């Protein structure tokens, strides 16, 4: 008999409806809690026949069954935090509010009234019953439509969001997060309103309608982080970052718009090891082939991004770069994350246009390399830093974004190589990009062979 090794974890509770399509409701909540390392429990309030195109039907459970579930889980588990979702009826809202009065843990109330698809999920007379529930809550997370239902204030900008948040605070809730997904604009602004402060969390809007389950996922992420002991503002900031990535790398499922990717960060974290190993394998092949002819004066680097990378910290590269020596090319140190700045930012900028790109390397650029690229007949793009706007040139990260836009925007398929023309104090460079490590190293070796002819 083997010795058991129990895994103690924080516990969180979702009080919500079931989404048969799997993208929202308790299915989204439990997946999100698991992704945050939290053990999730549920008290189901309703069962919906639902998919990515809408809600076909809904059946609300008897209040006695909802009460029984709440009694069962709170009696046995040490709940760290809870969140509510679809409550459906006045009686259900009041039942949960009565129970919440005895909670000794944080409660996040997502006042689910209208689905992302536009379907009404709550009886109109139940909307007024939310005031008692909000009075027992730590945080409310209404979107613009829900905030207007609760306050009669149309949320159209930061000022009206603050005004609506302050009005909702009068119910007795500790804080209000006005979600900005339904407010038009290139930037999504989520506004956290408390009695002491107003905090804004900004993320670039993702050009997709696949946001099914976004509200459930955000509230569940906040509840999970609160269950782990995070302060409210920290929990909200981390959860909004989590959702931004989950929306960008959404699940392409169903005949509708798809659903948010609840496990995106968990899967991204799991790919760190394989990504670093792939970069190491590329480096070893370049050393074996001695690609000295490709190494620029500043050194060469090979960068690999995890599948859902959004920051330099999620890219693996050679610490100290690859340089020429008397015995061939050698990496200065090993492969680690956040080891590259220039090439990593270029790769991340390229991924804004072609998210499947995961690997990149920089090489020298001179007439021999230019002739080799023409001979190979690769698709090549280029940009000239001399044409870069002065405001962009002030920071290297802005330069990488500007350069990537010149090279990758409005292209159905990405180029194999990008030429970075020289500027004052800057060495000209060739950058190769690929979606997989094998293709990148094959291109590097092919270019080296052609340059060496």
Protein backbone atom coordinates (compact mmCIF):
# COMPACT_ATOMS: atom_id res chain seq x y z
CA UNK A 1 0.00 0.00 0.00
CA UNK A 2 1.38 3.41 -0.98
CA UNK A 3 1.72 6.29 1.46
CA UNK A 4 -0.86 9.00 0.71
CA UNK A 5 0.33 12.52 -0.05
CA UNK A 6 -2.65 14.83 0.38
CA UNK A 7 -2.75 18.15 -1.44
CA UNK A 8 -4.17 20.90 0.76
CA UNK A 9 -5.65 23.76 -1.23
CA UNK A 10 -7.81 26.84 -0.65
CA UNK A 11 -11.51 26.26 -1.25
CA UNK A 12 -13.94 28.49 -3.14
CA UNK A 13 -17.66 28.21 -3.81
CA UNK A 14 -19.71 29.15 -6.86
CA UNK A 15 -23.45 29.72 -6.52
CA UNK A 16 -24.63 29.84 -10.10
CA UNK A 17 -26.43 28.19 -12.97
CA UNK A 18 -25.22 25.36 -15.17
CA UNK A 19 -24.28 26.10 -18.79
CA UNK A 20 -24.73 22.97 -20.89
CA UNK A 21 -22.39 24.53 -23.48
CA UNK A 22 -19.54 24.56 -20.95
CA UNK A 23 -18.38 28.13 -21.57
CA UNK A 24 -20.11 29.96 -18.73
CA UNK A 25 -21.85 29.27 -15.42
CA UNK A 26 -20.53 26.76 -12.96
CA UNK A 27 -18.53 25.03 -15.69
CA UNK A 28 -16.52 28.21 -16.29
CA UNK A 29 -16.27 28.92 -12.57
CA UNK A 30 -14.90 25.52 -11.59
CA UNK A 31 -12.41 25.48 -14.47
CA UNK A 32 -11.21 28.97 -13.53
CA UNK A 33 -10.85 28.06 -9.87
CA UNK A 34 -8.87 24.94 -10.78
CA UNK A 35 -6.62 27.04 -13.02
CA UNK A 36 -5.86 29.22 -9.99
CA UNK A 37 -4.93 26.25 -7.82
CA UNK A 38 -8.17 26.43 -5.83
CA UNK A 39 -10.57 23.58 -5.05
CA UNK A 40 -13.98 24.59 -6.37
CA UNK A 41 -17.43 23.64 -5.10
CA UNK A 42 -20.84 24.51 -6.47
CA UNK A 43 -24.40 25.20 -5.45
CA UNK A 44 -26.40 25.00 -8.69
CA UNK A 45 -29.32 27.42 -8.94
CA UNK A 46 -30.60 26.61 -12.43
CA UNK A 47 -29.98 24.37 -15.40
CA UNK A 48 -29.86 25.94 -18.84
CA UNK A 49 -30.00 24.45 -22.31
CA UNK A 50 -27.36 26.73 -23.74
CA UNK A 51 -24.66 26.87 -26.40
CA UNK A 52 -22.39 29.39 -28.12
CA UNK A 53 -25.34 30.93 -30.01
CA UNK A 54 -27.70 31.55 -27.10
CA UNK A 55 -29.97 30.14 -24.42
CA UNK A 56 -32.65 27.68 -25.54
CA UNK A 57 -34.34 27.10 -22.18
CA UNK A 58 -33.82 27.39 -18.44
CA UNK A 59 -35.06 25.44 -15.43
CA UNK A 60 -34.67 26.93 -11.95
CA UNK A 61 -34.07 24.48 -9.12
CA UNK A 62 -36.41 24.53 -6.12
CA UNK A 63 -35.19 26.81 -3.35
CA UNK A 64 -35.06 23.83 -0.99
CA UNK A 65 -32.47 22.15 -3.22
CA UNK A 66 -30.37 25.31 -3.40
CA UNK A 67 -30.49 25.66 0.38
CA UNK A 68 -29.52 22.00 0.78
CA UNK A 69 -26.46 22.46 -1.41
CA UNK A 70 -25.36 25.57 0.47
CA UNK A 71 -25.84 23.82 3.79
CA UNK A 72 -23.87 20.79 2.64
CA UNK A 73 -20.79 22.61 1.40
CA UNK A 74 -20.56 25.29 4.09
CA UNK A 75 -21.02 22.71 6.83
CA UNK A 76 -18.15 20.51 5.63
CA UNK A 77 -15.64 22.77 3.89
CA UNK A 78 -13.60 25.73 5.11
CA UNK A 79 -14.72 28.10 2.39
CA UNK A 80 -12.18 30.79 1.54
CA UNK A 81 -14.43 32.84 -0.76
CA UNK A 82 -17.60 32.54 -2.82
CA UNK A 83 -19.12 34.08 -5.92
CA UNK A 84 -22.61 34.22 -7.31
CA UNK A 85 -23.69 34.03 -10.92
CA UNK A 86 -27.11 33.32 -12.43
CA UNK A 87 -29.72 33.38 -9.65
CA UNK A 88 -32.74 33.66 -11.97
CA UNK A 89 -35.62 34.40 -9.57
CA UNK A 90 -36.52 36.77 -6.77
CA UNK A 91 -36.89 33.86 -4.39
CA UNK A 92 -33.42 32.54 -5.23
CA UNK A 93 -31.80 35.95 -4.83
CA UNK A 94 -33.43 36.39 -1.43
CA UNK A 95 -32.47 32.87 -0.35
CA UNK A 96 -28.81 33.47 -1.22
CA UNK A 97 -28.90 36.89 0.45
CA UNK A 98 -30.23 35.34 3.67
CA UNK A 99 -27.45 32.74 3.57
CA UNK A 100 -24.80 35.32 2.74
CA UNK A 101 -25.61 37.21 5.93
CA UNK A 102 -23.94 34.37 7.82
CA UNK A 103 -20.88 34.01 5.56
CA UNK A 104 -17.56 34.65 7.31
CA UNK A 105 -15.68 34.72 3.99
CA UNK A 106 -15.55 37.20 1.05
CA UNK A 107 -18.44 37.13 -1.41
CA UNK A 108 -18.20 38.31 -5.02
CA UNK A 109 -21.58 39.05 -6.58
CA UNK A 110 -21.75 38.95 -10.37
CA UNK A 111 -25.27 40.34 -10.92
CA UNK A 112 -26.06 38.18 -13.93
CA UNK A 113 -29.05 39.76 -15.62
CA UNK A 114 -28.22 39.69 -19.33
CA UNK A 115 -26.10 37.09 -21.13
CA UNK A 116 -23.31 38.14 -23.51
CA UNK A 117 -25.62 37.00 -26.33
CA UNK A 118 -28.28 39.49 -25.18
CA UNK A 119 -30.63 36.95 -23.59
CA UNK A 120 -32.34 38.03 -20.37
CA UNK A 121 -31.31 35.67 -17.55
CA UNK A 122 -33.11 37.21 -14.59
CA UNK A 123 -36.72 37.96 -13.82
CA UNK A 124 -37.26 41.73 -13.87
CA UNK A 125 -38.82 41.75 -10.41
CA UNK A 126 -35.76 39.94 -9.05
CA UNK A 127 -33.47 42.82 -10.00
CA UNK A 128 -34.64 44.90 -7.03
CA UNK A 129 -33.98 41.95 -4.68
CA UNK A 130 -30.27 42.25 -5.48
CA UNK A 131 -29.90 45.22 -3.13
CA UNK A 132 -30.08 42.97 -0.06
CA UNK A 133 -27.58 40.53 -1.57
CA UNK A 134 -25.18 43.32 -2.50
CA UNK A 135 -25.37 44.56 1.06
CA UNK A 136 -23.74 41.30 2.19
CA UNK A 137 -21.06 41.26 -0.53
CA UNK A 138 -17.39 42.18 -0.64
CA UNK A 139 -17.45 43.03 -4.34
CA UNK A 140 -20.03 43.49 -7.10
CA UNK A 141 -18.96 43.02 -10.73
CA UNK A 142 -21.67 44.49 -12.99
CA UNK A 143 -21.13 45.21 -16.66
CA UNK A 144 -22.46 48.44 -18.17
CA UNK A 145 -25.92 46.98 -18.87
CA UNK A 146 -26.25 45.54 -15.37
CA UNK A 147 -25.02 48.73 -13.76
CA UNK A 148 -27.70 50.66 -15.62
CA UNK A 149 -30.37 48.22 -14.41
CA UNK A 150 -29.18 48.71 -10.83
CA UNK A 151 -28.75 52.49 -10.93
CA UNK A 152 -30.54 53.95 -13.99
CA UNK A 153 -27.15 55.44 -14.93
CA UNK A 154 -26.01 54.79 -18.49
CA UNK A 155 -22.33 53.80 -18.30
CA UNK A 156 -20.51 55.24 -21.31
CA UNK A 157 -17.14 56.38 -19.95
CA UNK A 158 -14.93 56.44 -16.87
CA UNK A 159 -16.87 59.24 -15.18
CA UNK A 160 -20.28 57.59 -15.58
CA UNK A 161 -18.76 54.27 -14.42
CA UNK A 162 -17.50 55.97 -11.28
CA UNK A 163 -20.91 57.55 -10.74
CA UNK A 164 -22.67 54.20 -11.14
CA UNK A 165 -20.15 52.51 -8.83
CA UNK A 166 -20.74 55.07 -6.12
CA UNK A 167 -24.50 54.58 -6.45
CA UNK A 168 -24.13 50.79 -6.06
CA UNK A 169 -21.94 51.32 -2.99
CA UNK A 170 -25.03 52.72 -1.28
CA UNK A 171 -26.41 49.16 -1.10
CA UNK A 172 -23.71 48.37 1.46
CA UNK A 173 -21.35 46.41 -0.80
CA UNK A 174 -17.68 47.04 0.04
CA UNK A 175 -16.51 47.64 -3.54
CA UNK A 176 -17.80 47.70 -7.12
CA UNK A 177 -15.93 46.65 -10.25
CA UNK A 178 -17.59 48.27 -13.27
CA UNK A 179 -16.59 46.03 -16.18
CA UNK A 180 -15.75 47.88 -19.38
CA UNK A 181 -16.22 45.16 -21.96
CA UNK A 182 -19.58 46.53 -23.13
CA UNK A 183 -18.34 50.14 -23.36
CA UNK A 184 -17.07 50.96 -26.89
CA UNK A 185 -13.44 51.87 -27.44
CA UNK A 186 -10.04 50.43 -28.32
CA UNK A 187 -9.21 50.03 -24.63
CA UNK A 188 -11.21 48.05 -22.08
CA UNK A 189 -11.31 49.92 -18.77
CA UNK A 190 -12.49 48.09 -15.65
CA UNK A 191 -13.18 50.61 -12.88
CA UNK A 192 -12.84 49.52 -9.23
CA UNK A 193 -14.79 51.87 -6.96
CA UNK A 194 -14.52 51.82 -3.16
CA UNK A 195 -15.47 54.38 -0.55
CA UNK A 196 -11.83 55.50 -0.42
CA UNK A 197 -10.56 55.28 -3.99
CA UNK A 198 -11.18 54.66 -7.68
CA UNK A 199 -8.75 52.40 -9.55
CA UNK A 200 -8.70 51.74 -13.30
CA UNK A 201 -7.39 48.55 -14.92
CA UNK A 202 -6.75 48.89 -18.66
CA UNK A 203 -6.26 46.28 -21.38
CA UNK A 204 -6.25 46.61 -25.18
CA UNK A 205 -9.53 45.38 -26.61
CA UNK A 206 -9.29 42.03 -28.38
CA UNK A 207 -11.00 41.95 -31.78
CA UNK A 208 -13.29 39.01 -31.09
CA UNK A 209 -16.90 38.31 -30.18
CA UNK A 210 -15.86 35.10 -28.39
CA UNK A 211 -16.49 36.46 -24.91
CA UNK A 212 -19.05 33.88 -23.77
CA UNK A 213 -18.42 33.23 -20.09
CA UNK A 214 -16.20 36.29 -19.58
CA UNK A 215 -18.21 37.68 -16.66
CA UNK A 216 -18.38 34.32 -14.88
CA UNK A 217 -14.68 33.74 -15.43
CA UNK A 218 -13.66 37.16 -14.08
CA UNK A 219 -15.77 36.84 -10.91
CA UNK A 220 -14.54 33.27 -10.33
CA UNK A 221 -10.92 34.37 -10.79
CA UNK A 222 -11.37 37.15 -8.23
CA UNK A 223 -13.05 34.75 -5.77
CA UNK A 224 -10.26 32.21 -6.24
CA UNK A 225 -7.60 34.83 -5.57
CA UNK A 226 -9.47 36.07 -2.48
CA UNK A 227 -9.65 32.47 -1.25
CA UNK A 228 -5.86 32.35 -1.57
CA UNK A 229 -5.59 35.40 0.68
CA UNK A 230 -4.88 38.14 -1.85
CA UNK A 231 -6.00 41.70 -1.03
CA UNK A 232 -9.01 42.85 -3.05
CA UNK A 233 -7.19 45.25 -5.38
CA UNK A 234 -4.45 42.70 -6.08
CA UNK A 235 -7.07 40.02 -6.75
CA UNK A 236 -8.95 42.27 -9.17
CA UNK A 237 -5.79 43.29 -11.02
CA UNK A 238 -4.64 39.68 -11.41
CA UNK A 239 -8.10 38.53 -12.48
CA UNK A 240 -8.48 41.21 -15.16
CA UNK A 241 -5.05 40.25 -16.56
CA UNK A 242 -6.13 36.60 -16.50
CA UNK A 243 -9.34 37.39 -18.40
CA UNK A 244 -7.57 39.50 -21.03
CA UNK A 245 -5.41 36.50 -21.96
CA UNK A 246 -8.36 34.08 -21.77
CA UNK A 247 -10.31 36.22 -24.25
CA UNK A 248 -7.43 36.64 -26.69
CA UNK A 249 -6.71 32.91 -26.83
CA UNK A 250 -10.36 31.86 -26.74
CA UNK A 251 -11.75 28.38 -27.39
CA UNK A 252 -12.78 28.07 -31.05
CA UNK A 253 -15.69 25.71 -30.35
CA UNK A 254 -19.34 25.56 -31.33
CA UNK A 255 -21.09 27.23 -34.25
CA UNK A 256 -21.27 30.58 -32.49
CA UNK A 257 -18.44 32.85 -31.39
CA UNK A 258 -16.66 30.41 -29.07
CA UNK A 259 -15.86 30.80 -25.38
CA UNK A 260 -13.10 32.22 -23.22
CA UNK A 261 -10.17 29.94 -22.46
CA UNK A 262 -10.42 29.29 -18.73
CA UNK A 263 -7.26 27.17 -18.61
CA UNK A 264 -5.05 29.41 -20.73
CA UNK A 265 -2.61 30.39 -17.96
CA UNK A 266 -2.35 26.85 -16.64
CA UNK A 267 -1.49 25.55 -20.11
CA UNK A 268 0.89 28.43 -20.73
CA UNK A 269 2.75 27.68 -17.51
CA UNK A 270 2.96 23.99 -18.43
CA UNK A 271 4.71 24.92 -21.71
CA UNK A 272 7.60 26.80 -20.10
CA UNK A 273 9.79 23.71 -19.82
CA UNK A 274 9.20 22.45 -23.38
CA UNK A 275 9.72 25.96 -24.77
CA UNK A 276 13.10 26.35 -23.04
CA UNK A 277 14.10 22.87 -24.22
CA UNK A 278 13.19 23.78 -27.80
CA UNK A 279 15.38 26.90 -27.64
CA UNK A 280 18.25 24.84 -26.21
CA UNK A 281 17.91 22.32 -29.05
CA UNK A 282 18.11 25.12 -31.63
CA UNK A 283 21.22 26.54 -29.97
CA UNK A 284 22.93 23.14 -29.98
CA UNK A 285 22.30 22.70 -33.71
CA UNK A 286 23.66 26.19 -34.44
CA UNK A 287 26.80 25.43 -32.41
CA UNK A 288 27.30 22.10 -34.19
CA UNK A 289 26.92 23.78 -37.59
CA UNK A 290 29.11 26.77 -36.56
CA UNK A 291 26.95 29.54 -38.03
CA UNK A 292 29.67 32.17 -37.48
CA UNK A 293 28.74 33.82 -40.77
CA UNK A 294 25.33 34.79 -39.37
CA UNK A 295 26.36 36.15 -35.98
CA UNK A 296 26.21 39.98 -35.81
CA UNK A 297 28.68 42.09 -33.86
CA UNK A 298 26.22 42.43 -30.95
CA UNK A 299 25.73 38.68 -30.87
CA UNK A 300 22.90 36.37 -31.88
CA UNK A 301 19.97 35.28 -29.79
CA UNK A 302 17.32 32.63 -30.20
CA UNK A 303 13.98 33.29 -28.52
CA UNK A 304 11.05 30.99 -27.90
CA UNK A 305 7.67 32.17 -26.60
CA UNK A 306 5.22 30.01 -24.70
CA UNK A 307 2.02 29.42 -26.74
CA UNK A 308 0.08 32.18 -24.97
CA UNK A 309 2.97 34.51 -24.15
CA UNK A 310 2.16 38.15 -23.51
CA UNK A 311 5.33 39.39 -21.77
CA UNK A 312 9.12 39.08 -22.06
CA UNK A 313 9.03 37.01 -18.87
CA UNK A 314 7.26 34.31 -20.89
CA UNK A 315 10.03 34.05 -23.50
CA UNK A 316 13.10 31.83 -23.20
CA UNK A 317 16.42 32.89 -24.70
CA UNK A 318 20.20 32.58 -24.31
CA UNK A 319 21.52 34.60 -21.41
CA UNK A 320 24.34 36.74 -22.79
CA UNK A 321 23.56 35.74 -26.39
CA UNK A 322 25.52 33.56 -28.83
CA UNK A 323 28.90 34.95 -29.90
CA UNK A 324 31.76 34.02 -32.20
CA UNK A 325 34.87 32.43 -30.69
CA UNK A 326 38.08 30.97 -32.10
CA UNK A 327 36.47 27.54 -32.01
CA UNK A 328 33.13 28.56 -33.53
CA UNK A 329 29.95 30.01 -32.08
CA UNK A 330 29.12 29.48 -28.41
CA UNK A 331 26.36 30.58 -26.05
CA UNK A 332 27.71 32.76 -23.25
CA UNK A 333 25.46 31.13 -20.67
CA UNK A 334 22.42 28.91 -20.55
CA UNK A 335 18.81 29.30 -21.64
CA UNK A 336 16.48 31.03 -19.21
CA UNK A 337 13.29 33.07 -19.27
CA UNK A 338 13.42 36.85 -19.68
CA UNK A 339 17.02 36.59 -20.95
CA UNK A 340 16.33 38.55 -24.15
CA UNK A 341 15.11 42.08 -24.53
CA UNK A 342 15.41 43.18 -28.17
CA UNK A 343 14.52 39.95 -29.99
CA UNK A 344 11.91 38.95 -27.42
CA UNK A 345 10.06 42.25 -27.78
CA UNK A 346 10.20 41.92 -31.56
CA UNK A 347 8.70 38.43 -31.37
CA UNK A 348 5.95 39.56 -29.00
CA UNK A 349 5.18 42.48 -31.32
CA UNK A 350 5.02 40.12 -34.29
CA UNK A 351 2.60 37.89 -32.36
CA UNK A 352 0.16 40.81 -32.20
CA UNK A 353 -0.39 40.22 -35.93
CA UNK A 354 0.34 36.48 -36.16
CA UNK A 355 -0.17 34.85 -32.73
CA UNK A 356 1.04 31.46 -33.99
CA UNK A 357 4.63 32.77 -34.27
CA UNK A 358 6.62 31.38 -31.37
CA UNK A 359 10.32 31.42 -32.28
CA UNK A 360 12.71 34.07 -33.58
CA UNK A 361 16.43 34.72 -34.02
CA UNK A 362 18.52 37.71 -35.06
CA UNK A 363 21.32 37.50 -37.64
CA UNK A 364 23.66 40.00 -39.25
CA UNK A 365 22.59 41.93 -42.33
CA UNK A 366 24.99 42.89 -45.10
CA UNK A 367 25.16 42.52 -48.91
CA UNK A 368 26.03 38.81 -48.62
CA UNK A 369 22.96 38.12 -46.47
CA UNK A 370 20.78 40.24 -48.76
CA UNK A 371 21.96 38.28 -51.82
CA UNK A 372 21.35 35.00 -49.99
CA UNK A 373 17.80 36.00 -49.10
CA UNK A 374 17.11 36.87 -52.75
CA UNK A 375 18.53 33.53 -53.90
CA UNK A 376 16.43 31.59 -51.39
CA UNK A 377 13.32 33.44 -52.63
CA UNK A 378 11.86 33.70 -49.13
CA UNK A 379 9.13 36.14 -48.31
CA UNK A 380 11.04 39.08 -46.84
CA UNK A 381 9.78 42.25 -45.18
CA UNK A 382 11.80 45.20 -43.98
CA UNK A 383 11.67 48.48 -42.14
CA UNK A 384 14.02 51.42 -41.96
CA UNK A 385 14.53 53.00 -38.55
CA UNK A 386 15.37 56.23 -40.33
CA UNK A 387 11.67 56.50 -41.18
CA UNK A 388 10.57 55.86 -37.61
CA UNK A 389 8.49 58.66 -36.03
CA UNK A 390 10.41 60.56 -33.36
CA UNK A 391 7.81 59.87 -30.67
CA UNK A 392 8.10 56.11 -31.28
CA UNK A 393 11.91 56.12 -31.31
CA UNK A 394 12.06 57.30 -27.70
CA UNK A 395 11.74 53.74 -26.35
CA UNK A 396 13.06 50.45 -27.70
CA UNK A 397 9.78 48.66 -26.97
CA UNK A 398 7.89 51.21 -29.09
CA UNK A 399 10.43 50.73 -31.86
CA UNK A 400 9.82 46.99 -31.88
CA UNK A 401 6.08 47.52 -32.09
CA UNK A 402 6.46 50.04 -34.91
CA UNK A 403 8.88 47.80 -36.79
CA UNK A 404 6.62 44.76 -36.42
CA UNK A 405 3.68 46.73 -37.77
CA UNK A 406 5.66 47.66 -40.88
CA UNK A 407 6.68 44.03 -41.39
CA UNK A 408 3.58 42.05 -40.43
CA UNK A 409 0.47 44.21 -40.69
CA UNK A 410 -1.90 43.46 -43.59
CA UNK A 411 -0.11 40.21 -44.42
CA UNK A 412 -2.13 37.00 -44.58
CA UNK A 413 1.00 34.94 -43.89
CA UNK A 414 4.06 36.23 -42.01
CA UNK A 415 7.39 36.76 -43.81
CA UNK A 416 10.22 34.31 -43.12
CA UNK A 417 12.70 37.12 -42.57
CA UNK A 418 12.55 40.78 -41.59
CA UNK A 419 15.32 43.22 -42.42
CA UNK A 420 15.96 45.97 -39.87
CA UNK A 421 17.84 48.70 -41.75
CA UNK A 422 20.53 50.49 -39.81
CA UNK A 423 20.14 53.79 -37.98
CA UNK A 424 22.70 55.95 -36.20
CA UNK A 425 24.35 53.81 -33.52
CA UNK A 426 22.35 50.71 -34.51
CA UNK A 427 23.71 47.64 -36.27
CA UNK A 428 21.59 46.47 -39.24
CA UNK A 429 19.92 43.15 -38.53
CA UNK A 430 18.01 40.28 -40.07
CA UNK A 431 15.37 38.60 -37.95
CA UNK A 432 13.94 35.19 -38.77
CA UNK A 433 10.58 34.07 -37.34
CA UNK A 434 8.73 30.76 -37.33
CA UNK A 435 5.81 29.03 -35.68
CA UNK A 436 7.87 26.01 -34.61
CA UNK A 437 11.52 25.40 -33.63
CA UNK A 438 12.28 23.00 -36.46
CA UNK A 439 11.34 25.51 -39.10
CA UNK A 440 13.38 28.26 -37.47
CA UNK A 441 16.57 26.22 -37.19
CA UNK A 442 16.17 24.87 -40.73
CA UNK A 443 15.88 28.41 -42.04
CA UNK A 444 18.93 29.53 -40.06
CA UNK A 445 21.02 26.67 -41.40
CA UNK A 446 19.75 27.21 -44.94
CA UNK A 447 20.62 30.90 -44.80
CA UNK A 448 24.05 30.14 -43.33
CA UNK A 449 24.75 27.65 -46.10
CA UNK A 450 23.80 30.15 -48.78
CA UNK A 451 25.86 32.96 -47.20
CA UNK A 452 28.88 30.63 -46.99
CA UNK A 453 28.83 29.75 -50.69
